[in-house]
C-alpha atoms as a PDB file:
ATOM      1  CA  UNK A   1      10.042  21.244  -3.737  1.00  0.00           C
ATOM      2  CA  UNK A   2      13.312  19.430  -3.229  1.00  0.00           C
ATOM      3  CA  UNK A   3      16.220  20.760  -1.236  1.00  0.00           C
ATOM      4  CA  UNK A   4      19.869  20.461  -2.271  1.00  0.00           C
ATOM      5  CA  UNK A   5      20.496  17.234  -0.346  1.00  0.00           C
ATOM      6  CA  UNK A   6      17.519  15.463  -1.871  1.00  0.00           C
ATOM      7  CA  UNK A   7      18.404  16.641  -5.366  1.00  0.00           C
ATOM      8  CA  UNK A   8      22.033  15.545  -4.946  1.00  0.00           C
ATOM      9  CA  UNK A   9      21.014  12.099  -3.706  1.00  0.00           C
ATOM     10  CA  UNK A  10      18.827  11.677  -6.793  1.00  0.00           C
ATOM     11  CA  UNK A  11      21.442  12.859  -9.306  1.00  0.00           C
ATOM     12  CA  UNK A  12      24.973  11.988  -8.194  1.00  0.00           C
ATOM     13  CA  UNK A  13      26.433   8.518  -8.788  1.00  0.00           C
ATOM     14  CA  UNK A  14      26.419   6.479  -5.584  1.00  0.00           C
ATOM     15  CA  UNK A  15      30.186   5.950  -5.865  1.00  0.00           C
ATOM     16  CA  UNK A  16      30.875   9.690  -5.946  1.00  0.00           C
ATOM     17  CA  UNK A  17      32.400  11.107  -2.762  1.00  0.00           C
ATOM     18  CA  UNK A  18      30.013  14.055  -2.974  1.00  0.00           C
ATOM     19  CA  UNK A  19      27.104  11.573  -2.832  1.00  0.00           C
ATOM     20  CA  UNK A  20      28.570   9.947   0.266  1.00  0.00           C
ATOM     21  CA  UNK A  21      29.116  13.329   1.909  1.00  0.00           C
ATOM     22  CA  UNK A  22      25.579  14.417   1.063  1.00  0.00           C
ATOM     23  CA  UNK A  23      24.174  11.131   2.371  1.00  0.00           C
ATOM     24  CA  UNK A  24      25.984  11.614   5.682  1.00  0.00           C
ATOM     25  CA  UNK A  25      24.653  15.144   6.227  1.00  0.00           C
ATOM     26  CA  UNK A  26      21.070  14.408   5.069  1.00  0.00           C
ATOM     27  CA  UNK A  27      18.282  13.904   7.540  1.00  0.00           C
ATOM     28  CA  UNK A  28      16.251  10.700   7.550  1.00  0.00           C
ATOM     29  CA  UNK A  29      13.324  12.588   6.021  1.00  0.00           C
ATOM     30  CA  UNK A  30      15.491  13.850   3.143  1.00  0.00           C
ATOM     31  CA  UNK A  31      16.775  10.321   2.442  1.00  0.00           C
ATOM     32  CA  UNK A  32      13.257   8.888   2.504  1.00  0.00           C
ATOM     33  CA  UNK A  33      12.049  11.603   0.118  1.00  0.00           C
ATOM     34  CA  UNK A  34      14.966  10.897  -2.244  1.00  0.00           C
ATOM     35  CA  UNK A  35      14.147   7.168  -2.222  1.00  0.00           C
ATOM     36  CA  UNK A  36      10.504   7.935  -3.064  1.00  0.00           C
ATOM     37  CA  UNK A  37      11.552  10.175  -5.960  1.00  0.00           C
ATOM     38  CA  UNK A  38      14.008   7.638  -7.331  1.00  0.00           C
ATOM     39  CA  UNK A  39      11.547   4.737  -7.081  1.00  0.00           C
ATOM     40  CA  UNK A  40       8.921   6.710  -8.981  1.00  0.00           C
ATOM     41  CA  UNK A  41      11.310   7.374 -11.873  1.00  0.00           C
ATOM     42  CA  UNK A  42      12.413   5.086 -14.701  1.00  0.00           C
ATOM     43  CA  UNK A  43      14.473   2.555 -12.694  1.00  0.00           C
ATOM     44  CA  UNK A  44      17.993   3.855 -13.279  1.00  0.00           C
ATOM     45  CA  UNK A  45      18.636   4.503  -9.603  1.00  0.00           C
ATOM     46  CA  UNK A  46      19.094   1.029  -8.122  1.00  0.00           C
ATOM     47  CA  UNK A  47      22.563   1.711  -6.696  1.00  0.00           C
ATOM     48  CA  UNK A  48      21.521   5.046  -5.190  1.00  0.00           C
ATOM     49  CA  UNK A  49      18.379   3.543  -3.667  1.00  0.00           C
ATOM     50  CA  UNK A  50      20.365   0.680  -2.095  1.00  0.00           C
ATOM     51  CA  UNK A  51      22.936   3.110  -0.673  1.00  0.00           C
ATOM     52  CA  UNK A  52      20.199   5.259   0.835  1.00  0.00           C
ATOM     53  CA  UNK A  53      18.410   2.250   2.309  1.00  0.00           C
ATOM     54  CA  UNK A  54      21.674   0.969   3.812  1.00  0.00           C
ATOM     55  CA  UNK A  55      22.275   4.372   5.425  1.00  0.00           C
ATOM     56  CA  UNK A  56      18.799   4.389   6.961  1.00  0.00           C
ATOM     57  CA  UNK A  57      19.308   0.864   8.370  1.00  0.00           C
ATOM     58  CA  UNK A  58      22.711   1.861   9.743  1.00  0.00           C
ATOM     59  CA  UNK A  59      21.196   4.860  11.493  1.00  0.00           C
ATOM     60  CA  UNK A  60      18.361   2.736  12.859  1.00  0.00           C
ATOM     61  CA  UNK A  61      20.827   0.186  14.304  1.00  0.00           C
ATOM     62  CA  UNK A  62      22.866   3.020  15.833  1.00  0.00           C
ATOM     63  CA  UNK A  63      19.822   4.461  17.564  1.00  0.00           C
ATOM     64  CA  UNK A  64      18.750   1.076  18.933  1.00  0.00           C
ATOM     65  CA  UNK A  65      22.125   0.408  20.582  1.00  0.00           C
ATOM     66  CA  UNK A  66      21.823   3.348  23.017  1.00  0.00           C
END
């Protein structure tokens, strides 16, 4: 099932500070799972999906700079 981070990423508005906090503490796997869930739903999650994808890209760039 889903954990609290995944559920929050799928339900909170992307402009909510709780969403941002949850996004920062989520693992890459949790973010990927949330994206999969949101993409399989009715299409109301475009902003959340973009925010999650940006976070994953930011983390990837941070890991490559080491």
